[in-house]
Amino acid sequence: QVQLVESGGGLVQPGGSLRLACAASGSFFSTKAMGWYRQPPGKQRELVAAITSGGTTNYADSLKGRFTISRDNAKNTVYLQMDSLKPEDTAVYYCTGYCSGSYPCYWGQGTQVTVSS
């Protein structure tokens, strides 16, 4: 059973930064791609970023330059550094794991990020 547990969400002012972390259980993590999705209020879930087991990254075009995904295979943890946050970044952020293909097969429970003054 794979479990993904996110942490680090919260309330931040516009222009601020947050770092999300996702701890994965089991031996799943080191050989699989991981990622982050988000779901803004009233909108569909969307890809934020993904990272392969070897460290190759992919980002939503609109987020390039502000968000950075990274992973620590020794700690079974994937991170999302979010800088220059905007109110439109407000969403529930989900950690994801990929089994095969381009869509995640594992999801965390989500963590709320609210950007507001």
Protein backbone atom coordinates (compact mmCIF):
# COMPACT_ATOMS: atom_id res chain seq x y z
CA GLN A 1 0.00 0.00 0.00
CA VAL A 2 1.47 3.33 -1.10
CA GLN A 3 0.72 6.36 1.03
CA LEU A 4 1.52 9.94 0.09
CA VAL A 5 1.34 12.49 2.89
CA GLU A 6 1.61 16.19 2.09
CA SER A 7 2.66 18.95 4.45
CA GLY A 8 3.57 22.61 4.32
CA GLY A 9 0.37 24.23 3.12
CA GLY A 10 -1.14 27.30 4.74
CA LEU A 11 -1.92 30.96 4.38
CA VAL A 12 0.63 33.25 2.74
CA GLN A 13 0.55 36.83 1.50
CA PRO A 14 0.90 37.65 -2.19
CA GLY A 15 4.56 37.65 -3.17
CA GLY A 16 5.44 35.18 -0.44
CA SER A 17 6.82 31.65 -0.61
CA LEU A 18 5.86 28.22 0.62
CA ARG A 19 7.49 24.83 0.36
CA LEU A 20 5.31 21.76 0.20
CA ALA A 21 6.65 18.34 1.06
CA CYS A 22 5.27 14.89 0.31
CA ALA A 23 6.49 11.82 2.12
CA ALA A 24 5.92 8.50 0.37
CA SER A 25 5.76 5.12 2.06
CA GLY A 26 7.24 1.88 0.82
CA SER A 27 9.72 1.05 -1.90
CA PHE A 28 7.59 2.70 -4.55
CA PHE A 29 9.21 6.08 -4.45
CA SER A 30 12.76 5.83 -5.77
CA THR A 31 11.92 4.18 -9.09
CA LYS A 32 8.85 6.20 -10.01
CA ALA A 33 8.03 9.64 -11.28
CA MET A 34 6.31 11.94 -8.80
CA GLY A 35 4.36 15.12 -9.21
CA TRP A 36 2.06 17.80 -7.91
CA TYR A 37 -1.43 18.71 -9.08
CA ARG A 38 -3.67 21.45 -7.80
CA GLN A 39 -7.38 22.22 -7.79
CA PRO A 40 -8.39 25.87 -7.46
CA PRO A 41 -11.84 26.63 -6.03
CA GLY A 42 -14.54 25.85 -8.58
CA LYS A 43 -12.05 24.66 -11.18
CA GLN A 44 -10.70 21.40 -12.48
CA ARG A 45 -7.62 19.72 -11.18
CA GLU A 46 -4.48 20.64 -13.13
CA LEU A 47 -0.87 19.56 -13.39
CA VAL A 48 1.62 21.75 -11.57
CA ALA A 49 4.89 19.86 -12.04
CA ALA A 50 6.38 16.39 -12.30
CA ILE A 51 9.81 14.86 -11.78
CA THR A 52 11.17 11.54 -12.99
CA SER A 53 13.15 9.13 -10.83
CA GLY A 54 16.29 10.53 -12.48
CA GLY A 55 15.39 14.14 -11.77
CA THR A 56 14.04 15.36 -15.11
CA THR A 57 11.36 17.95 -14.48
CA ASN A 58 8.27 19.18 -16.27
CA TYR A 59 6.14 22.21 -15.38
CA ALA A 60 2.87 23.79 -16.36
CA ASP A 61 3.85 26.60 -18.71
CA SER A 62 2.17 29.24 -16.60
CA LEU A 63 4.19 28.28 -13.52
CA LYS A 64 7.69 28.04 -14.97
CA GLY A 65 10.11 30.29 -13.13
CA ARG A 66 8.04 30.52 -9.94
CA PHE A 67 7.64 26.89 -8.88
CA THR A 68 10.40 24.30 -8.46
CA ILE A 69 9.92 20.58 -7.96
CA SER A 70 12.65 18.45 -6.44
CA ARG A 71 13.05 15.09 -4.75
CA ASP A 72 15.20 13.40 -2.15
CA ASN A 73 15.20 9.68 -2.85
CA ALA A 74 17.01 8.94 0.41
CA LYS A 75 14.10 10.48 2.32
CA ASN A 76 11.32 9.25 0.00
CA THR A 77 10.20 12.86 -0.25
CA VAL A 78 9.24 15.17 -3.10
CA TYR A 79 9.10 18.94 -2.65
CA LEU A 80 7.41 21.87 -4.33
CA GLN A 81 9.01 25.26 -3.75
CA MET A 82 6.55 28.02 -4.60
CA ASP A 83 7.81 31.59 -4.90
CA SER A 84 6.21 34.90 -5.84
CA LEU A 85 2.83 33.47 -4.96
CA LYS A 86 -0.31 35.05 -6.39
CA PRO A 87 -3.93 34.88 -5.24
CA GLU A 88 -4.69 32.70 -8.26
CA ASP A 89 -2.31 30.06 -6.84
CA THR A 90 -4.88 29.43 -4.12
CA ALA A 91 -5.83 25.75 -4.40
CA VAL A 92 -5.68 22.36 -2.83
CA TYR A 93 -2.33 20.87 -3.80
CA TYR A 94 -2.04 17.11 -4.27
CA CYS A 95 1.06 14.98 -4.29
CA THR A 96 0.96 12.28 -6.95
CA GLY A 97 2.85 9.15 -7.92
CA TYR A 98 3.05 7.62 -11.38
CA CYS A 99 2.92 3.89 -12.01
CA SER A 100 3.15 4.06 -15.80
CA GLY A 101 1.78 6.33 -18.44
CA SER A 102 1.12 10.02 -18.17
CA TYR A 103 -1.54 10.09 -15.46
CA PRO A 104 -0.89 9.50 -11.75
CA CYS A 105 -2.01 6.29 -10.09
CA TYR A 106 -1.48 7.45 -6.49
CA TRP A 107 -2.76 10.61 -4.83
CA GLY A 108 -2.22 12.22 -1.47
CA GLN A 109 -5.03 13.69 0.57
CA GLY A 110 -4.20 17.25 -0.46
CA THR A 111 -3.01 20.33 1.38
CA GLN A 112 -4.63 23.75 1.22
CA VAL A 113 -2.62 26.73 0.01
CA THR A 114 -4.27 30.12 0.35
CA VAL A 115 -2.64 33.27 -1.02
CA SER A 116 -4.33 36.32 0.40
CA SER A 117 -3.58 39.62 2.10
